[in-house]
Protein backbone atom coordinates (compact mmCIF):
# COMPACT_ATOMS: atom_id res chain seq x y z
CA UNK A 1 93.80 148.16 215.47
CA UNK A 2 91.77 150.66 213.40
CA UNK A 3 93.99 151.24 210.39
CA UNK A 4 92.96 148.89 207.62
CA UNK A 5 90.02 150.72 206.03
CA UNK A 6 91.70 154.12 206.22
CA UNK A 7 95.00 152.86 204.85
CA UNK A 8 93.41 150.94 202.02
CA UNK A 9 91.33 153.95 201.00
CA UNK A 10 94.44 156.17 200.91
CA UNK A 11 96.32 153.57 198.94
CA UNK A 12 93.72 153.00 196.25
CA UNK A 13 93.35 156.73 195.67
CA UNK A 14 97.01 157.07 194.72
CA UNK A 15 96.99 157.56 190.98
CA UNK A 16 98.98 155.57 188.48
CA UNK A 17 100.60 158.82 187.40
CA UNK A 18 101.90 159.41 190.93
CA UNK A 19 103.40 155.94 191.16
CA UNK A 20 105.03 156.16 187.74
CA UNK A 21 106.45 159.62 188.50
CA UNK A 22 107.98 158.26 191.69
CA UNK A 23 109.53 155.39 189.76
CA UNK A 24 111.09 157.58 187.10
CA UNK A 25 112.26 160.46 189.26
CA UNK A 26 113.43 158.89 192.50
CA UNK A 27 114.09 155.24 191.91
CA UNK A 28 117.29 155.46 189.91
CA UNK A 29 119.30 153.83 192.66
CA UNK A 30 117.31 150.61 192.92
CA UNK A 31 117.03 150.41 189.14
CA UNK A 32 120.79 150.71 188.76
CA UNK A 33 121.41 148.14 191.48
CA UNK A 34 119.01 145.64 189.95
CA UNK A 35 120.56 146.24 186.54
CA UNK A 36 123.95 145.52 188.12
CA UNK A 37 122.68 142.29 189.69
CA UNK A 38 119.18 141.21 188.57
CA UNK A 39 118.96 138.72 191.46
CA UNK A 40 118.33 141.72 193.75
CA UNK A 41 114.82 141.98 192.32
CA UNK A 42 114.06 138.94 194.47
CA UNK A 43 113.28 141.18 197.50
CA UNK A 44 113.27 139.21 200.79
CA UNK A 45 114.09 136.02 198.89
CA UNK A 46 117.41 137.50 197.76
CA UNK A 47 120.47 135.69 199.04
CA UNK A 48 122.88 137.37 201.46
CA UNK A 49 125.38 139.62 199.71
CA UNK A 50 128.45 140.25 201.84
CA UNK A 51 130.79 143.12 201.10
CA UNK A 52 133.71 143.84 203.41
CA UNK A 53 133.13 146.96 205.49
CA UNK A 54 135.69 148.87 207.59
CA UNK A 55 135.50 148.45 211.35
CA UNK A 56 136.14 151.45 213.57
CA UNK A 57 138.87 150.75 216.09
CA UNK A 58 137.61 150.59 219.64
CA UNK A 59 138.51 153.47 221.96
CA UNK A 60 141.80 152.94 223.74
CA UNK A 61 141.67 150.43 226.55
CA UNK A 62 138.43 148.76 225.47
CA UNK A 63 138.27 145.13 224.36
CA UNK A 64 135.28 143.10 223.12
CA UNK A 65 134.00 140.53 225.61
CA UNK A 66 130.37 139.69 224.69
CA UNK A 67 128.12 139.54 221.59
CA UNK A 68 124.34 139.62 221.39
CA UNK A 69 122.90 138.63 218.00
CA UNK A 70 119.71 138.04 216.00
CA UNK A 71 119.98 136.30 212.64
CA UNK A 72 117.35 135.54 210.05
CA UNK A 73 117.60 132.02 208.65
CA UNK A 74 119.69 131.68 205.52
CA UNK A 75 118.63 131.16 201.92
CA UNK A 76 115.85 128.62 201.59
CA UNK A 77 113.31 127.03 199.30
CA UNK A 78 109.88 128.57 198.82
CA UNK A 79 107.55 127.66 201.67
CA UNK A 80 104.72 126.64 199.33
CA UNK A 81 104.40 125.40 195.78
CA UNK A 82 101.44 127.70 195.18
CA UNK A 83 103.84 130.55 194.45
CA UNK A 84 104.74 129.15 191.03
CA UNK A 85 102.96 125.82 190.47
CA UNK A 86 100.20 127.22 188.23
CA UNK A 87 102.78 128.81 185.94
CA UNK A 88 104.67 125.53 185.67
CA UNK A 89 101.48 123.60 184.85
CA UNK A 90 100.46 126.16 182.22
CA UNK A 91 103.85 125.94 180.52
CA UNK A 92 103.83 122.14 180.67
CA UNK A 93 100.45 122.08 178.92
CA UNK A 94 101.47 124.62 176.30
CA UNK A 95 104.68 122.74 175.63
CA UNK A 96 102.79 119.51 174.96
CA UNK A 97 100.58 121.42 172.50
CA UNK A 98 103.64 122.85 170.72
CA UNK A 99 102.54 126.38 171.62
CA UNK A 100 105.83 127.61 173.09
CA UNK A 101 108.66 129.49 171.42
CA UNK A 102 112.23 128.32 171.97
CA UNK A 103 112.46 130.75 174.86
CA UNK A 104 109.18 129.44 176.23
CA UNK A 105 110.44 125.87 176.08
CA UNK A 106 113.62 126.91 177.90
CA UNK A 107 111.57 128.63 180.60
CA UNK A 108 109.28 125.61 180.95
CA UNK A 109 112.24 123.29 181.45
CA UNK A 110 113.73 125.68 184.01
CA UNK A 111 110.51 125.69 186.04
CA UNK A 112 110.43 121.89 185.87
CA UNK A 113 113.96 121.80 187.27
CA UNK A 114 113.07 124.25 190.03
CA UNK A 115 109.91 122.33 190.90
CA UNK A 116 111.70 118.99 191.07
CA UNK A 117 114.31 120.39 193.44
CA UNK A 118 111.57 121.83 195.66
CA UNK A 119 109.90 118.46 196.12
CA UNK A 120 109.92 117.51 199.82
CA UNK A 121 112.06 120.60 200.53
CA UNK A 122 109.46 123.38 200.80
CA UNK A 123 110.50 125.92 203.41
CA UNK A 124 113.78 124.16 204.16
CA UNK A 125 117.21 125.74 204.35
CA UNK A 126 119.22 125.32 201.16
CA UNK A 127 122.92 124.57 200.88
CA UNK A 128 123.46 128.22 200.07
CA UNK A 129 121.73 129.15 203.33
CA UNK A 130 124.03 126.84 205.27
CA UNK A 131 127.07 128.41 203.64
CA UNK A 132 125.81 131.91 204.45
CA UNK A 133 125.60 131.21 208.17
CA UNK A 134 128.95 129.47 208.29
CA UNK A 135 130.55 132.48 206.62
CA UNK A 136 128.83 135.03 208.89
CA UNK A 137 129.96 133.09 211.96
CA UNK A 138 133.52 132.82 210.65
CA UNK A 139 133.73 136.57 210.12
CA UNK A 140 132.23 137.19 213.57
CA UNK A 141 135.01 135.07 215.06
CA UNK A 142 137.72 136.78 213.02
CA UNK A 143 136.48 140.30 213.81
CA UNK A 144 135.94 139.70 217.53
CA UNK A 145 138.20 136.81 218.45
CA UNK A 146 138.88 138.09 222.00
CA UNK A 147 135.21 137.40 222.80
CA UNK A 148 135.81 133.69 222.26
CA UNK A 149 139.38 133.35 223.49
CA UNK A 150 139.10 134.57 227.05
CA UNK A 151 137.62 133.07 230.18
CA UNK A 152 134.14 133.23 228.69
CA UNK A 153 133.31 130.06 226.82
CA UNK A 154 129.52 129.71 227.03
CA UNK A 155 127.40 130.33 223.93
CA UNK A 156 123.64 130.30 224.40
CA UNK A 157 121.42 129.85 221.34
CA UNK A 158 117.67 130.06 220.91
CA UNK A 159 115.83 129.32 217.69
CA UNK A 160 112.41 129.37 216.14
CA UNK A 161 111.06 125.83 215.85
CA UNK A 162 111.13 125.98 212.04
CA UNK A 163 113.79 123.59 210.66
CA UNK A 164 115.38 126.32 208.50
CA UNK A 165 116.15 128.31 211.65
CA UNK A 166 117.41 125.31 213.60
CA UNK A 167 119.66 124.34 210.66
CA UNK A 168 120.93 127.93 210.45
CA UNK A 169 121.78 127.80 214.15
CA UNK A 170 123.59 124.48 213.75
CA UNK A 171 125.68 125.68 210.80
CA UNK A 172 126.50 128.98 212.51
CA UNK A 173 127.70 127.41 215.74
CA UNK A 174 129.56 124.60 213.99
CA UNK A 175 131.51 127.27 212.14
CA UNK A 176 132.35 129.04 215.41
CA UNK A 177 133.58 125.77 216.89
CA UNK A 178 135.69 125.10 213.80
CA UNK A 179 137.23 128.57 214.04
CA UNK A 180 138.01 128.07 217.72
CA UNK A 181 139.66 124.71 217.00
CA UNK A 182 141.81 126.18 214.22
CA UNK A 183 142.89 129.00 216.54
CA UNK A 184 143.79 126.48 219.26
CA UNK A 185 141.33 128.08 221.65
CA UNK A 186 139.87 126.09 224.50
CA UNK A 187 136.55 124.41 223.90
CA UNK A 188 133.39 126.48 223.59
CA UNK A 189 130.26 125.18 225.26
CA UNK A 190 127.27 125.67 223.01
CA UNK A 191 123.73 125.35 224.39
CA UNK A 192 120.76 124.97 222.02
CA UNK A 193 117.04 125.40 222.60
CA UNK A 194 114.17 125.70 220.12
CA UNK A 195 110.41 125.65 220.30
CA UNK A 196 107.21 127.66 220.24
CA UNK A 197 108.28 129.31 223.50
CA UNK A 198 111.27 130.84 221.72
CA UNK A 199 109.31 131.62 218.58
CA UNK A 200 107.16 133.83 220.80
CA UNK A 201 110.28 135.72 221.87
CA UNK A 202 111.79 135.97 218.40
CA UNK A 203 108.65 136.81 216.42
CA UNK A 204 105.90 137.35 219.01
CA UNK A 205 103.76 135.08 216.89
CA UNK A 206 103.94 137.78 214.18
CA UNK A 207 100.42 138.70 215.31
CA UNK A 208 100.10 142.13 213.62
CA UNK A 209 101.24 140.65 210.32
CA UNK A 210 98.35 138.19 210.46
CA UNK A 211 95.83 140.84 211.44
CA UNK A 212 96.50 143.08 208.47
CA UNK A 213 97.83 140.59 205.97
CA UNK A 214 94.90 141.27 203.68
CA UNK A 215 95.85 144.92 203.56
CA UNK A 216 99.42 144.12 202.63
CA UNK A 217 98.02 142.01 199.80
CA UNK A 218 95.87 144.95 198.71
CA UNK A 219 98.94 147.19 198.52
CA UNK A 220 100.67 144.60 196.38
CA UNK A 221 97.65 144.17 194.11
CA UNK A 222 97.24 147.88 193.55
CA UNK A 223 100.88 148.27 192.56
CA UNK A 224 100.79 145.14 190.40
CA UNK A 225 97.76 146.47 188.53
CA UNK A 226 99.57 149.76 188.02
CA UNK A 227 102.95 148.47 186.96
CA UNK A 228 102.93 144.97 185.49
CA UNK A 229 102.69 144.90 181.70
CA UNK A 230 102.89 141.28 180.49
CA UNK A 231 102.55 141.88 176.73
CA UNK A 232 106.19 141.59 175.67
CA UNK A 233 106.85 138.70 178.05
CA UNK A 234 103.84 136.66 176.87
CA UNK A 235 104.77 137.34 173.25
CA UNK A 236 108.27 135.95 173.80
CA UNK A 237 107.04 132.80 175.55
CA UNK A 238 104.09 131.76 173.36
CA UNK A 239 103.99 131.39 169.61
CA UNK A 240 100.58 133.05 169.63
CA UNK A 241 99.92 135.53 172.45
CA UNK A 242 96.14 135.27 172.30
CA UNK A 243 96.17 131.47 172.33
CA UNK A 244 98.78 131.61 175.06
CA UNK A 245 96.33 133.42 177.32
CA UNK A 246 94.09 130.38 177.19
CA UNK A 247 96.80 128.42 179.00
CA UNK A 248 97.75 131.04 181.58
CA UNK A 249 94.43 132.74 182.32
CA UNK A 250 95.49 136.01 183.92
CA UNK A 251 98.66 137.06 182.07
CA UNK A 252 99.83 139.37 184.85
CA UNK A 253 99.43 136.67 187.48
CA UNK A 254 101.30 134.20 185.26
CA UNK A 255 104.15 136.70 184.87
CA UNK A 256 104.14 137.25 188.65
CA UNK A 257 104.42 133.52 189.36
CA UNK A 258 107.37 133.21 186.99
CA UNK A 259 108.90 136.16 188.85
CA UNK A 260 108.36 134.34 192.16
CA UNK A 261 110.13 131.29 190.72
CA UNK A 262 113.01 133.49 189.63
CA UNK A 263 113.20 135.13 193.05
CA UNK A 264 113.95 131.85 194.82
CA UNK A 265 115.97 130.17 192.08
CA UNK A 266 119.42 131.58 193.09
CA UNK A 267 118.98 129.94 196.51
CA UNK A 268 118.77 126.45 195.02
CA UNK A 269 121.41 124.03 193.80
CA UNK A 270 120.38 124.12 190.12
CA UNK A 271 119.87 127.91 190.05
CA UNK A 272 118.18 128.19 186.63
CA UNK A 273 118.42 131.80 185.42
CA UNK A 274 114.72 132.52 185.24
CA UNK A 275 115.18 136.28 185.56
CA UNK A 276 116.94 136.26 182.18
CA UNK A 277 113.50 136.10 180.56
CA UNK A 278 112.64 139.57 181.89
CA UNK A 279 113.99 142.99 180.95
CA UNK A 280 115.48 145.13 183.71
CA UNK A 281 112.45 147.43 183.54
CA UNK A 282 110.11 144.47 183.95
CA UNK A 283 112.10 143.17 186.92
CA UNK A 284 111.91 146.60 188.57
CA UNK A 285 108.15 146.81 187.97
CA UNK A 286 107.71 143.34 189.47
CA UNK A 287 110.03 144.19 192.36
CA UNK A 288 108.16 147.30 193.52
CA UNK A 289 104.85 145.64 194.57
CA UNK A 290 106.63 142.95 196.57
CA UNK A 291 109.15 145.34 198.13
CA UNK A 292 106.50 147.82 199.21
CA UNK A 293 104.02 145.29 200.57
CA UNK A 294 106.84 143.70 202.58
CA UNK A 295 107.68 147.08 204.08
CA UNK A 296 104.07 147.49 205.11
CA UNK A 297 103.64 143.91 206.31
CA UNK A 298 106.91 143.61 208.26
CA UNK A 299 108.29 147.12 208.62
CA UNK A 300 107.35 150.28 210.44
CA UNK A 301 105.37 152.21 207.84
CA UNK A 302 103.70 155.58 208.22
CA UNK A 303 100.29 153.91 207.84
CA UNK A 304 100.87 151.14 210.36
CA UNK A 305 102.35 153.41 213.01
CA UNK A 306 103.46 151.56 216.12
CA UNK A 307 101.44 148.39 215.63
CA UNK A 308 104.48 146.32 214.65
CA UNK A 309 106.50 147.35 217.67
CA UNK A 310 104.69 144.70 219.70
CA UNK A 311 106.77 142.14 217.81
CA UNK A 312 109.97 143.96 218.80
CA UNK A 313 109.13 144.24 222.51
CA UNK A 314 110.15 140.73 223.64
CA UNK A 315 113.26 140.86 221.45
CA UNK A 316 114.38 144.15 223.01
CA UNK A 317 113.70 142.73 226.45
CA UNK A 318 115.74 139.64 225.69
CA UNK A 319 118.68 141.73 224.44
CA UNK A 320 118.64 143.86 227.60
CA UNK A 321 118.10 140.98 230.04
CA UNK A 322 120.78 138.76 228.50
CA UNK A 323 123.24 141.67 228.39
CA UNK A 324 122.71 142.44 232.06
CA UNK A 325 123.39 138.81 232.90
CA UNK A 326 126.52 138.78 230.73
CA UNK A 327 127.84 141.94 232.40
CA UNK A 328 128.01 140.18 235.78
CA UNK A 329 131.61 139.63 236.91
CA UNK A 330 131.12 135.87 237.25
CA UNK A 331 129.44 135.39 233.85
CA UNK A 332 131.00 132.93 231.43
CA UNK A 333 128.70 133.85 228.54
CA UNK A 334 130.55 134.93 225.41
CA UNK A 335 127.51 135.22 223.16
CA UNK A 336 123.74 135.00 223.00
CA UNK A 337 122.69 133.97 219.50
CA UNK A 338 119.12 134.07 218.20
CA UNK A 339 117.84 132.51 214.99
CA UNK A 340 114.50 133.61 213.64
CA UNK A 341 112.68 135.19 210.75
CA UNK A 342 112.26 138.40 208.80
CA UNK A 343 108.96 138.83 210.65
CA UNK A 344 110.93 139.35 213.85
CA UNK A 345 114.13 141.01 212.72
CA UNK A 346 112.65 143.76 210.55
CA UNK A 347 110.16 145.03 213.17
CA UNK A 348 112.98 144.87 215.72
CA UNK A 349 115.47 147.04 213.83
CA UNK A 350 112.62 149.29 212.69
CA UNK A 351 111.51 149.86 216.27
CA UNK A 352 115.11 150.55 217.33
CA UNK A 353 115.34 153.05 214.48
CA UNK A 354 118.74 152.02 213.17
CA UNK A 355 120.12 153.85 210.14
CA UNK A 356 117.98 152.99 207.14
CA UNK A 357 114.97 152.34 209.37
CA UNK A 358 114.88 155.61 211.30
CA UNK A 359 111.96 157.10 209.37
CA UNK A 360 108.52 155.77 208.58
CA UNK A 361 107.60 156.11 204.94
CA UNK A 362 104.40 155.51 203.05
CA UNK A 363 104.23 152.00 201.65
CA UNK A 364 103.04 153.05 198.19
CA UNK A 365 106.27 154.94 197.44
CA UNK A 366 108.77 153.41 199.85
CA UNK A 367 110.78 151.91 196.96
CA UNK A 368 112.17 155.42 196.47
CA UNK A 369 114.33 155.08 199.57
CA UNK A 370 114.17 151.55 201.01
CA UNK A 371 115.27 148.24 199.44
CA UNK A 372 114.32 144.87 200.88
CA UNK A 373 117.26 143.15 199.16
CA UNK A 374 119.55 145.35 201.30
CA UNK A 375 117.63 145.56 204.55
CA UNK A 376 116.16 142.07 204.95
CA UNK A 377 117.67 139.50 202.57
CA UNK A 378 118.13 135.88 203.56
CA UNK A 379 120.67 135.64 206.37
CA UNK A 380 120.17 139.23 207.58
CA UNK A 381 121.68 139.75 211.01
CA UNK A 382 121.96 142.24 213.83
CA UNK A 383 124.95 142.12 216.15
CA UNK A 384 125.54 144.12 219.31
CA UNK A 385 129.19 143.95 220.36
CA UNK A 386 130.09 144.80 223.96
CA UNK A 387 133.47 146.23 225.05
CA UNK A 388 134.91 146.82 228.50
CA UNK A 389 137.99 148.54 229.92
CA UNK A 390 139.89 147.81 233.11
CA UNK A 391 137.71 150.23 235.07
CA UNK A 392 134.65 148.18 234.13
CA UNK A 393 133.14 150.80 231.83
CA UNK A 394 131.07 149.17 229.09
CA UNK A 395 130.56 150.30 225.50
CA UNK A 396 128.43 148.73 222.80
CA UNK A 397 128.35 149.09 219.04
CA UNK A 398 125.92 147.64 216.52
CA UNK A 399 126.35 145.91 213.20
CA UNK A 400 123.57 145.33 210.72
CA UNK A 401 124.38 142.82 208.02
CA UNK A 402 127.96 143.06 209.24
CA UNK A 403 128.26 146.80 208.71
CA UNK A 404 128.57 149.27 211.56
CA UNK A 405 125.36 151.13 212.17
CA UNK A 406 123.97 153.66 214.60
CA UNK A 407 120.63 154.86 215.90
CA UNK A 408 120.21 158.41 214.53
CA UNK A 409 117.89 159.32 217.42
CA UNK A 410 120.62 158.52 219.96
CA UNK A 411 124.00 160.19 219.74
CA UNK A 412 126.95 157.79 220.08
CA UNK A 413 129.77 158.47 222.53
CA UNK A 414 132.52 158.08 219.93
CA UNK A 415 132.20 156.90 216.34
CA UNK A 416 129.68 154.03 216.36
CA UNK A 417 130.28 153.30 220.06
CA UNK A 418 127.61 153.93 222.70
CA UNK A 419 127.98 153.93 226.44
CA UNK A 420 125.95 150.90 227.45
CA UNK A 421 124.00 152.66 230.26
CA UNK A 422 122.79 155.24 227.71
CA UNK A 423 121.95 152.65 225.07
CA UNK A 424 120.25 150.51 227.69
CA UNK A 425 118.14 153.45 228.84
CA UNK A 426 117.12 154.11 225.22
CA UNK A 427 116.14 150.47 224.74
CA UNK A 428 114.19 150.38 227.99
CA UNK A 429 112.37 153.60 227.13
CA UNK A 430 111.30 152.17 223.78
CA UNK A 431 110.29 148.85 225.33
CA UNK A 432 108.24 150.46 228.08
CA UNK A 433 106.46 152.68 225.58
CA UNK A 434 105.15 149.73 223.58
CA UNK A 435 101.64 148.73 224.52
CA UNK A 436 100.83 145.04 224.45
CA UNK A 437 98.11 144.07 222.00
C-alpha cells in the first residue's frame, strides 16, 4: 500500500490559514450541534443518541420477514488508562502543592472519580451501553414485529471475542426475548457464537488500520498543532500558569488528555461533567483532530482510496450469503445479528456508499461535512430489512442508526425500498471488485 508518504506530505503542506478558513466558513453545523450538546465533541466515544424517525410504509402486499444487522458495541469505558492517566497524575501533584484554582481542584476530583470507576473495567461495556442495545432491540421488535411473530423463530448471532461486544449481544437478544414474551409470541431460539474466527468476518483483523495507524496519528498531530490553544484553559486550572506547566509538561497534550477523559465520561455511571471546563470553541478545536483522523483511519477517505474496502469484503459476503439462506422457503431464520466494532462498521457502510458516506473527502477538512458523533457513535447499527409478497418477490430497505437510508449510487425501486436481486447484484459487484490484501 503506497500511500503513506504521499498522503503525509500533502497533509503537512496544508496551511494553518486553510484549516482555520474551513472551520469558520463551513463548519457552522458541527459547531452549532456541539454547542447544543457538548457531549457530541466526544467523536466515536459519544453515546448513542436516538431520535424517532418516520418509517416509509412498505409497498402494498409486502410484509417484513427477515432482518440482517451489524451493530457496534454500546457505550464503554476507555480501553487504556494512558488516554488520561498523565493528566490525572499532574493534577493530583499540583493539588497537593496547593497550585490549583477552585476550578482546577474540581477538575482534579472529577478525574479521580473517573479513574476510580475505570479500575478493572478498561474496555468493558458500561451500563449505558447495555441500555443502548436493549433499547435498539426493543425498537427493532416494535417496528418489525411480523419478523418475529411468524413461523420463523431462529435468531443467529455472531460476535467479536471482545467482552464489550459479547455483552452487547447478550443485552440485545435478551431484550428481543423480553419483547416476544410480552407480546405472547412463541419462543425465539437464539444461537450465539463468538471468537477470533468471527472477529475476522466482522473486522477482517482491521489490517489496513494497523498498517497506516502512524499516518492517522500524523493527521491528528498536525491538526492539534494548528488548532489547540491551551492558554485560557491552563490559566483557569492553575493559580500560576507558568508554574502549572512544570506539572503538565506539554500544555496542549495535557489539555488533550483532559478532553479524552471528558469524551468517555458520559458513558460511565458517575458521569462527571469534564467538558464544562472547556469553551464551545475549545471543544470544537479539540474535536476536529480526532474526528478527522478517525475518518482517515476507519473511513473511506480520498487519500486512502479503496484500501479499507478489504475490511468490508467479508461483511458484505456474510450479508449476501446469510440473506440467500434466509430466502429459502424452508428457512426458519428471522434474523442474523452481528456485534462488532467501529473498525468494521464504518468501512462497511463507507464501501456500500450509503447516504452520508457516498463521497470520499480529504481527511484534513472532512469536518466540514462529516461528523463522527452522528455516523459512528457507540451503539451505531446497520439494519437491512427484507420484505416479501405472496408472489415471492423480495424487497429490502436499509436503516442506519435506525433511520431509513439509501445508496445514492443505486436507485431504489420505491421510496427507500430496493428489489433484492438488484441490491444483491450491487453488493456482489462491489465485493468482487475488492482485491484481497
